[in-house]
Amino acid sequence: MNIDHELRDALRRKQAPPDLADRVLDRINTSAAPAPRAGHGSSMVMRWLAAAAIVTLTVGGAERYYTSQKAAEAARVQKELRMALQITSETLAVVQSKLSQPADNGGR
């Protein structure tokens, strides 16, 4: 079954049992606070710890991915800059050699 269908089924509106109001009122009248179940508190703590661990690992992984992507981008930009400087240097060398050659007077 698809997770969307499961979620829709879980959240579908259901008819309350006819004696629900009576049971709720009886529980309110008999005790102020229900007795906690054995092991319930530690189970919740473990769930919170597991959720915290997942969040920590996700954030750490995302940070590591972002850092590696940033480093790769910096390396790519550096390589392109070196290539541009090399092309500029070669072009300037050609221009300088043409300027340093004696002028050709035959073209007057």
Protein backbone atom coordinates (compact mmCIF):
# COMPACT_ATOMS: atom_id res chain seq x y z
CA MET A 1 0.00 0.00 0.00
CA ASN A 2 1.14 3.53 -0.77
CA ILE A 3 2.25 5.71 2.15
CA ASP A 4 -0.16 8.44 1.02
CA HIS A 5 -3.06 5.98 1.25
CA GLU A 6 -1.91 4.76 4.65
CA LEU A 7 -1.66 8.32 5.93
CA ARG A 8 -5.06 9.20 4.51
CA ASP A 9 -6.59 6.11 6.16
CA ALA A 10 -4.94 6.90 9.49
CA LEU A 11 -6.19 10.48 9.45
CA ARG A 12 -9.67 9.68 8.15
CA ARG A 13 -12.45 10.90 10.43
CA LYS A 14 -13.99 8.09 12.47
CA GLN A 15 -17.18 7.93 14.46
CA ALA A 16 -16.60 8.04 18.23
CA PRO A 17 -17.97 5.14 20.28
CA PRO A 18 -21.38 5.95 21.80
CA ASP A 19 -20.15 5.53 25.39
CA LEU A 20 -17.04 7.73 24.99
CA ALA A 21 -18.42 10.71 26.90
CA ASP A 22 -19.48 8.50 29.83
CA ARG A 23 -16.06 6.79 29.97
CA VAL A 24 -14.23 10.13 29.92
CA LEU A 25 -16.39 11.56 32.69
CA ASP A 26 -15.95 8.39 34.78
CA ARG A 27 -12.18 8.58 34.40
CA ILE A 28 -12.14 12.25 35.37
CA ASN A 29 -14.21 11.55 38.46
CA THR A 30 -12.25 8.49 39.62
CA SER A 31 -8.67 9.73 39.36
CA ALA A 32 -6.89 13.01 38.80
CA ALA A 33 -3.94 11.44 36.99
CA PRO A 34 -3.63 7.97 35.51
CA ALA A 35 -0.83 5.77 36.81
CA PRO A 36 2.11 5.68 34.41
CA ARG A 37 2.76 2.41 32.65
CA ALA A 38 5.94 0.55 33.48
CA GLY A 39 8.74 1.40 31.07
CA HIS A 40 6.77 4.11 29.30
CA GLY A 41 9.02 6.95 30.47
CA SER A 42 12.23 5.25 29.43
CA SER A 43 10.68 4.41 26.08
CA MET A 44 9.96 8.08 25.45
CA VAL A 45 13.49 9.03 26.48
CA MET A 46 14.91 6.50 24.05
CA ARG A 47 12.70 7.85 21.27
CA TRP A 48 13.86 11.40 21.95
CA LEU A 49 17.49 10.28 22.05
CA ALA A 50 17.06 8.42 18.78
CA ALA A 51 15.44 11.47 17.18
CA ALA A 52 18.24 13.71 18.48
CA ALA A 53 20.85 11.31 17.07
CA ILE A 54 19.15 11.30 13.68
CA VAL A 55 18.97 15.09 13.58
CA THR A 56 22.62 15.36 14.63
CA LEU A 57 23.76 12.91 11.94
CA THR A 58 21.66 14.64 9.29
CA VAL A 59 22.98 18.10 10.14
CA GLY A 60 26.56 16.79 10.31
CA GLY A 61 26.21 15.05 6.95
CA ALA A 62 24.68 18.13 5.34
CA GLU A 63 27.47 20.32 6.71
CA ARG A 64 30.12 17.92 5.42
CA TYR A 65 28.46 17.78 1.98
CA TYR A 66 28.22 21.58 1.83
CA THR A 67 31.88 21.96 2.80
CA SER A 68 33.04 19.47 0.15
CA GLN A 69 30.90 21.16 -2.50
CA LYS A 70 32.34 24.54 -1.54
CA ALA A 71 35.90 23.19 -1.77
CA ALA A 72 35.21 21.63 -5.17
CA GLU A 73 33.77 24.92 -6.43
CA ALA A 74 36.80 26.83 -5.15
CA ALA A 75 39.15 24.40 -6.93
CA ARG A 76 37.19 24.75 -10.17
CA VAL A 77 37.30 28.57 -9.99
CA GLN A 78 41.03 28.51 -9.23
CA LYS A 79 41.68 26.27 -12.25
CA GLU A 80 39.65 28.56 -14.54
CA LEU A 81 41.44 31.63 -13.18
CA ARG A 82 44.86 30.09 -13.84
CA MET A 83 43.80 29.24 -17.40
CA ALA A 84 42.55 32.80 -17.96
CA LEU A 85 45.81 34.25 -16.62
CA GLN A 86 47.84 31.93 -18.87
CA ILE A 87 45.86 32.97 -21.96
CA THR A 88 46.26 36.64 -21.00
CA SER A 89 50.00 36.20 -20.48
CA GLU A 90 50.44 34.50 -23.86
CA THR A 91 48.40 37.18 -25.61
CA LEU A 92 50.42 39.96 -23.97
CA ALA A 93 53.66 38.24 -25.01
CA VAL A 94 52.50 38.19 -28.66
CA VAL A 95 51.53 41.88 -28.50
CA GLN A 96 54.84 42.80 -26.85
CA SER A 97 56.84 40.95 -29.51
CA LYS A 98 54.94 42.76 -32.27
CA LEU A 99 55.53 46.12 -30.61
CA SER A 100 59.25 45.50 -30.18
CA GLN A 101 59.78 44.59 -33.87
CA PRO A 102 61.08 47.44 -36.02
CA ALA A 103 58.34 49.21 -37.94
CA ASP A 104 57.98 48.17 -41.55
CA ASN A 105 58.40 51.33 -43.65
CA GLY A 106 57.43 49.65 -46.91
CA GLY A 107 53.72 50.08 -46.25
CA ARG A 108 53.71 53.94 -46.73
